[in-house]
Amino acid sequence: MAKTLNVRISDDIGQRLERLAEKTRRPKSFYIKDMLEKYLDEYEEAYLALERTSEKNAKYCTSKEVKKFLGL
């Protein structure tokens, strides 16, 4: 089932999105959905990485240690 989401964007972003939609004859919602699908994973992964750095027993490695571990 699809969900509806209301989002407030700046005038500049709105105008850019409108121009893109007009030039390509696609609805603005097409681009918004496409962008969310492409970038939501990255945001989730970044948040997970940030959470892990806050863990009490987190282990930190130098780039030299990582290269050695990876055999580079």
N, C-alpha and C. Protein backbone atom coordinates (compact mmCIF):
# COMPACT_ATOMS: atom_id res chain seq x y z
N MET A 1 0.83 -1.18 0.00
CA MET A 1 0.00 0.00 0.00
C MET A 1 0.88 1.25 0.00
N ALA A 2 0.57 2.20 -0.81
CA ALA A 2 1.35 3.43 -0.92
C ALA A 2 0.98 4.39 0.20
N LYS A 3 1.94 5.17 0.62
CA LYS A 3 1.74 6.20 1.65
C LYS A 3 1.87 7.57 1.02
N THR A 4 1.15 8.52 1.56
CA THR A 4 1.24 9.90 1.11
C THR A 4 2.07 10.66 2.14
N LEU A 5 2.96 11.52 1.65
CA LEU A 5 3.85 12.28 2.51
C LEU A 5 3.84 13.73 2.06
N ASN A 6 3.63 14.64 2.99
CA ASN A 6 3.69 16.07 2.68
C ASN A 6 5.04 16.59 3.14
N VAL A 7 5.73 17.30 2.25
CA VAL A 7 7.06 17.81 2.55
C VAL A 7 7.14 19.27 2.15
N ARG A 8 7.72 20.08 3.02
CA ARG A 8 7.94 21.49 2.70
C ARG A 8 9.36 21.64 2.17
N ILE A 9 9.49 22.22 0.98
CA ILE A 9 10.81 22.43 0.38
C ILE A 9 10.98 23.91 0.07
N SER A 10 12.22 24.32 -0.14
CA SER A 10 12.50 25.72 -0.43
C SER A 10 11.99 26.07 -1.83
N ASP A 11 11.80 27.34 -2.06
CA ASP A 11 11.35 27.80 -3.38
C ASP A 11 12.33 27.38 -4.47
N ASP A 12 13.62 27.47 -4.17
CA ASP A 12 14.65 27.12 -5.15
C ASP A 12 14.54 25.65 -5.55
N ILE A 13 14.44 24.78 -4.57
CA ILE A 13 14.33 23.34 -4.85
C ILE A 13 13.04 23.07 -5.62
N GLY A 14 11.96 23.72 -5.21
CA GLY A 14 10.67 23.54 -5.88
C GLY A 14 10.74 23.95 -7.35
N GLN A 15 11.40 25.07 -7.62
CA GLN A 15 11.54 25.54 -9.01
C GLN A 15 12.39 24.58 -9.83
N ARG A 16 13.46 24.11 -9.25
CA ARG A 16 14.33 23.16 -9.97
C ARG A 16 13.58 21.88 -10.29
N LEU A 17 12.84 21.39 -9.31
CA LEU A 17 12.06 20.17 -9.51
C LEU A 17 10.98 20.39 -10.57
N GLU A 18 10.36 21.53 -10.54
CA GLU A 18 9.32 21.86 -11.53
C GLU A 18 9.92 21.90 -12.94
N ARG A 19 11.08 22.54 -13.09
CA ARG A 19 11.73 22.62 -14.41
C ARG A 19 12.10 21.23 -14.91
N LEU A 20 12.65 20.40 -14.03
CA LEU A 20 13.03 19.05 -14.42
C LEU A 20 11.80 18.26 -14.86
N ALA A 21 10.73 18.37 -14.11
CA ALA A 21 9.49 17.66 -14.44
C ALA A 21 8.94 18.11 -15.79
N GLU A 22 8.97 19.41 -16.04
CA GLU A 22 8.47 19.94 -17.31
C GLU A 22 9.34 19.47 -18.48
N LYS A 23 10.66 19.54 -18.31
CA LYS A 23 11.57 19.15 -19.39
C LYS A 23 11.44 17.68 -19.75
N THR A 24 11.21 16.86 -18.76
CA THR A 24 11.19 15.41 -18.98
C THR A 24 9.78 14.83 -19.11
N ARG A 25 8.80 15.68 -18.88
CA ARG A 25 7.39 15.26 -18.94
C ARG A 25 7.09 14.11 -17.98
N ARG A 26 7.70 14.19 -16.84
CA ARG A 26 7.43 13.22 -15.77
C ARG A 26 6.90 14.01 -14.56
N PRO A 27 6.12 13.37 -13.73
CA PRO A 27 5.63 14.08 -12.54
C PRO A 27 6.75 14.30 -11.52
N LYS A 28 6.60 15.35 -10.75
CA LYS A 28 7.60 15.65 -9.72
C LYS A 28 7.72 14.48 -8.75
N SER A 29 6.61 13.82 -8.48
CA SER A 29 6.63 12.70 -7.54
C SER A 29 7.54 11.57 -8.03
N PHE A 30 7.68 11.42 -9.34
CA PHE A 30 8.58 10.40 -9.89
C PHE A 30 10.00 10.64 -9.39
N TYR A 31 10.46 11.89 -9.45
CA TYR A 31 11.83 12.22 -9.05
C TYR A 31 12.01 12.14 -7.54
N ILE A 32 11.00 12.55 -6.80
CA ILE A 32 11.10 12.48 -5.35
C ILE A 32 11.20 11.03 -4.91
N LYS A 33 10.36 10.15 -5.45
CA LYS A 33 10.43 8.73 -5.11
C LYS A 33 11.77 8.14 -5.51
N ASP A 34 12.26 8.50 -6.71
CA ASP A 34 13.53 7.98 -7.20
C ASP A 34 14.68 8.39 -6.27
N MET A 35 14.69 9.64 -5.86
CA MET A 35 15.74 10.13 -4.97
C MET A 35 15.69 9.43 -3.62
N LEU A 36 14.50 9.25 -3.09
CA LEU A 36 14.37 8.55 -1.81
C LEU A 36 14.86 7.11 -1.92
N GLU A 37 14.50 6.44 -2.99
CA GLU A 37 14.94 5.06 -3.18
C GLU A 37 16.46 4.97 -3.29
N LYS A 38 17.07 5.94 -3.96
CA LYS A 38 18.52 5.90 -4.17
C LYS A 38 19.30 6.27 -2.91
N TYR A 39 18.79 7.21 -2.12
CA TYR A 39 19.59 7.74 -1.03
C TYR A 39 19.17 7.29 0.36
N LEU A 40 18.00 6.68 0.52
CA LEU A 40 17.57 6.26 1.85
C LEU A 40 18.51 5.22 2.43
N ASP A 41 18.98 4.27 1.62
CA ASP A 41 19.94 3.26 2.10
C ASP A 41 21.20 3.92 2.65
N GLU A 42 21.69 4.93 1.95
CA GLU A 42 22.92 5.60 2.39
C GLU A 42 22.72 6.28 3.73
N TYR A 43 21.59 6.94 3.91
CA TYR A 43 21.31 7.60 5.18
C TYR A 43 21.17 6.57 6.31
N GLU A 44 20.50 5.46 6.03
CA GLU A 44 20.36 4.42 7.05
C GLU A 44 21.72 3.85 7.44
N GLU A 45 22.57 3.58 6.46
CA GLU A 45 23.90 3.04 6.73
C GLU A 45 24.76 4.03 7.50
N ALA A 46 24.68 5.31 7.15
CA ALA A 46 25.45 6.33 7.85
C ALA A 46 25.00 6.43 9.31
N TYR A 47 23.70 6.37 9.55
CA TYR A 47 23.18 6.43 10.91
C TYR A 47 23.64 5.21 11.71
N LEU A 48 23.60 4.04 11.09
CA LEU A 48 24.05 2.82 11.75
C LEU A 48 25.53 2.93 12.12
N ALA A 49 26.33 3.44 11.20
CA ALA A 49 27.77 3.62 11.47
C ALA A 49 27.98 4.59 12.62
N LEU A 50 27.21 5.67 12.65
CA LEU A 50 27.32 6.64 13.73
C LEU A 50 26.92 6.02 15.06
N GLU A 51 25.87 5.22 15.06
CA GLU A 51 25.47 4.51 16.28
C GLU A 51 26.58 3.60 16.78
N ARG A 52 27.22 2.90 15.86
CA ARG A 52 28.27 1.96 16.25
C ARG A 52 29.47 2.66 16.86
N THR A 53 29.78 3.87 16.42
CA THR A 53 30.91 4.60 17.00
C THR A 53 30.61 5.03 18.43
N SER A 54 29.33 5.07 18.78
CA SER A 54 28.94 5.47 20.13
C SER A 54 28.83 4.28 21.08
N GLU A 55 29.00 3.07 20.57
CA GLU A 55 28.90 1.90 21.42
C GLU A 55 30.02 1.88 22.45
N LYS A 56 29.70 1.39 23.61
CA LYS A 56 30.64 1.37 24.73
C LYS A 56 31.91 0.58 24.42
N ASN A 57 31.78 -0.54 23.77
CA ASN A 57 32.92 -1.41 23.49
C ASN A 57 33.42 -1.30 22.05
N ALA A 58 33.17 -0.18 21.41
CA ALA A 58 33.59 -0.02 20.02
C ALA A 58 35.11 -0.07 19.92
N LYS A 59 35.60 -0.72 18.88
CA LYS A 59 37.04 -0.82 18.66
C LYS A 59 37.39 0.07 17.47
N TYR A 60 38.42 0.86 17.61
CA TYR A 60 38.85 1.76 16.55
C TYR A 60 40.18 1.27 16.00
N CYS A 61 40.33 1.35 14.70
CA CYS A 61 41.56 0.91 14.03
C CYS A 61 42.14 2.05 13.22
N THR A 62 43.44 2.04 13.10
CA THR A 62 44.10 3.01 12.23
C THR A 62 43.96 2.52 10.79
N SER A 63 44.20 3.40 9.85
CA SER A 63 44.13 2.98 8.44
C SER A 63 45.21 1.94 8.15
N LYS A 64 46.33 2.03 8.82
CA LYS A 64 47.40 1.05 8.65
C LYS A 64 46.93 -0.34 9.10
N GLU A 65 46.23 -0.40 10.23
CA GLU A 65 45.71 -1.67 10.73
C GLU A 65 44.66 -2.25 9.79
N VAL A 66 43.83 -1.40 9.24
CA VAL A 66 42.78 -1.85 8.32
C VAL A 66 43.41 -2.41 7.05
N LYS A 67 44.42 -1.69 6.51
CA LYS A 67 45.11 -2.16 5.31
C LYS A 67 45.76 -3.53 5.55
N LYS A 68 46.38 -3.68 6.72
CA LYS A 68 47.00 -4.96 7.05
C LYS A 68 45.95 -6.05 7.14
N PHE A 69 44.85 -5.77 7.80
CA PHE A 69 43.77 -6.75 7.95
C PHE A 69 43.21 -7.17 6.58
N LEU A 70 43.10 -6.19 5.67
CA LEU A 70 42.55 -6.47 4.34
C LEU A 70 43.60 -7.00 3.36
N GLY A 71 44.85 -7.03 3.80
CA GLY A 71 45.91 -7.53 2.94
C GLY A 71 46.27 -6.57 1.82
N LEU A 72 46.16 -5.29 2.09
CA LEU A 72 46.48 -4.28 1.07
C LEU A 72 47.89 -3.74 1.24
